[in-house]
Amino acid sequence: MSTYEEARARMIKQTRREILTALAVMYSIESLSFDEICRALTHLELADDQVVKNDLTYLCERGYVRWTNERKMMPWKDRFYKLTAEGKDVHDKIEVDPRLEP
């Protein structure tokens, strides 16, 4: 693997871990909106919202995050996200997912 690919993989993993961390902070309180998650990641200086959309899609498919709105075709900006119990276990390092480890 090239240095560029390794750096890119590290950045993807870091972004996904940061999303889990932002959701873990609010785990027992409430869901976070897409905009709130993006604001929580401003320190990473991501290129655009598409990065967050891709990582949220991945985390939802893995079962670590779910969106809590009821309508099927809701725009990204209107969705609210919550960490699942499985996502909390991964965040707390009770279960290990090598795809999210540095």
Protein backbone atom coordinates (compact mmCIF):
# COMPACT_ATOMS: atom_id res chain seq x y z
CA MET A 1 0.00 0.00 0.00
CA SER A 2 1.37 3.43 -0.90
CA THR A 3 1.93 6.21 1.60
CA TYR A 4 -1.00 8.17 0.14
CA GLU A 5 -3.36 5.21 0.49
CA GLU A 6 -2.22 4.61 4.07
CA ALA A 7 -2.76 8.27 4.98
CA ARG A 8 -6.20 8.22 3.34
CA ALA A 9 -7.17 5.04 5.21
CA ARG A 10 -6.04 6.60 8.50
CA MET A 11 -8.14 9.70 7.81
CA ILE A 12 -11.23 7.63 6.98
CA LYS A 13 -10.84 5.61 10.19
CA GLN A 14 -10.29 8.77 12.23
CA THR A 15 -13.40 10.41 10.78
CA ARG A 16 -15.52 7.34 11.55
CA ARG A 17 -14.17 7.16 15.11
CA GLU A 18 -14.90 10.87 15.60
CA ILE A 19 -18.48 10.38 14.39
CA LEU A 20 -18.93 7.55 16.89
CA THR A 21 -17.44 9.75 19.63
CA ALA A 22 -19.78 12.66 18.85
CA LEU A 23 -22.78 10.31 18.96
CA ALA A 24 -21.50 8.58 22.12
CA VAL A 25 -21.46 11.90 23.98
CA MET A 26 -25.19 12.24 23.36
CA TYR A 27 -25.96 8.50 23.59
CA SER A 28 -28.47 8.59 26.44
CA ILE A 29 -29.76 12.10 25.78
CA GLU A 30 -30.88 12.67 22.19
CA SER A 31 -30.14 12.18 18.52
CA LEU A 32 -27.82 14.50 16.61
CA SER A 33 -28.72 16.18 13.34
CA PHE A 34 -26.51 15.87 10.29
CA ASP A 35 -25.40 19.50 10.71
CA GLU A 36 -24.49 18.92 14.37
CA ILE A 37 -22.34 15.95 13.41
CA CYS A 38 -20.60 18.05 10.73
CA ARG A 39 -19.95 20.81 13.29
CA ALA A 40 -18.48 18.23 15.70
CA LEU A 41 -15.99 17.27 12.98
CA THR A 42 -14.81 20.79 12.05
CA HIS A 43 -11.44 20.19 13.74
CA LEU A 44 -10.71 17.51 11.11
CA GLU A 45 -10.98 20.09 8.29
CA LEU A 46 -12.83 17.71 5.97
CA ALA A 47 -13.18 18.68 2.34
CA ASP A 48 -16.98 18.64 2.26
CA ASP A 49 -20.17 17.11 3.64
CA GLN A 50 -19.93 14.18 1.21
CA VAL A 51 -17.19 12.65 3.39
CA VAL A 52 -19.54 12.69 6.38
CA LYS A 53 -22.40 11.27 4.29
CA ASN A 54 -20.21 8.40 3.10
CA ASP A 55 -18.99 7.58 6.60
CA LEU A 56 -22.48 7.81 8.13
CA THR A 57 -23.78 5.51 5.40
CA TYR A 58 -21.00 3.03 6.20
CA LEU A 59 -21.64 3.22 9.96
CA CYS A 60 -25.39 2.73 9.40
CA GLU A 61 -24.76 -0.30 7.18
CA ARG A 62 -22.48 -1.81 9.87
CA GLY A 63 -25.26 -1.29 12.43
CA TYR A 64 -23.30 1.15 14.62
CA VAL A 65 -25.52 4.15 13.87
CA ARG A 66 -29.16 4.53 12.89
CA TRP A 67 -31.18 7.47 11.73
CA THR A 68 -34.20 8.12 13.82
CA ASN A 69 -36.59 9.87 11.40
CA GLU A 70 -39.51 7.86 10.14
CA ARG A 71 -39.82 8.98 6.52
CA LYS A 72 -37.92 6.85 4.00
CA MET A 73 -36.69 9.51 1.56
CA MET A 74 -35.66 12.20 4.00
CA PRO A 75 -32.96 14.66 2.84
CA TRP A 76 -29.58 14.36 4.61
CA LYS A 77 -29.88 17.80 6.20
CA ASP A 78 -33.11 16.75 7.95
CA ARG A 79 -31.96 13.41 9.37
CA PHE A 80 -31.14 12.76 13.01
CA TYR A 81 -28.67 10.06 14.03
CA LYS A 82 -28.23 7.97 17.15
CA LEU A 83 -25.59 5.50 18.20
CA THR A 84 -26.81 1.90 18.52
CA ALA A 85 -25.85 -0.39 21.40
CA GLU A 86 -23.41 -2.16 19.07
CA GLY A 87 -21.90 1.19 18.10
CA LYS A 88 -21.51 2.09 21.77
CA ASP A 89 -19.66 -1.20 22.38
CA VAL A 90 -17.28 -0.43 19.51
CA HIS A 91 -16.77 3.13 20.73
CA ASP A 92 -16.07 1.94 24.28
CA LYS A 93 -13.68 -0.72 22.90
CA ILE A 94 -15.71 -3.57 24.37
CA GLU A 95 -15.85 -4.97 20.85
CA VAL A 96 -13.10 -4.31 18.31
CA ASP A 97 -13.71 -3.48 14.67
CA PRO A 98 -10.37 -3.46 12.81
CA ARG A 99 -11.92 -1.21 10.13
CA LEU A 100 -12.10 1.58 12.73
CA GLU A 101 -8.84 1.01 14.58
CA PRO A 102 -5.83 3.23 13.84
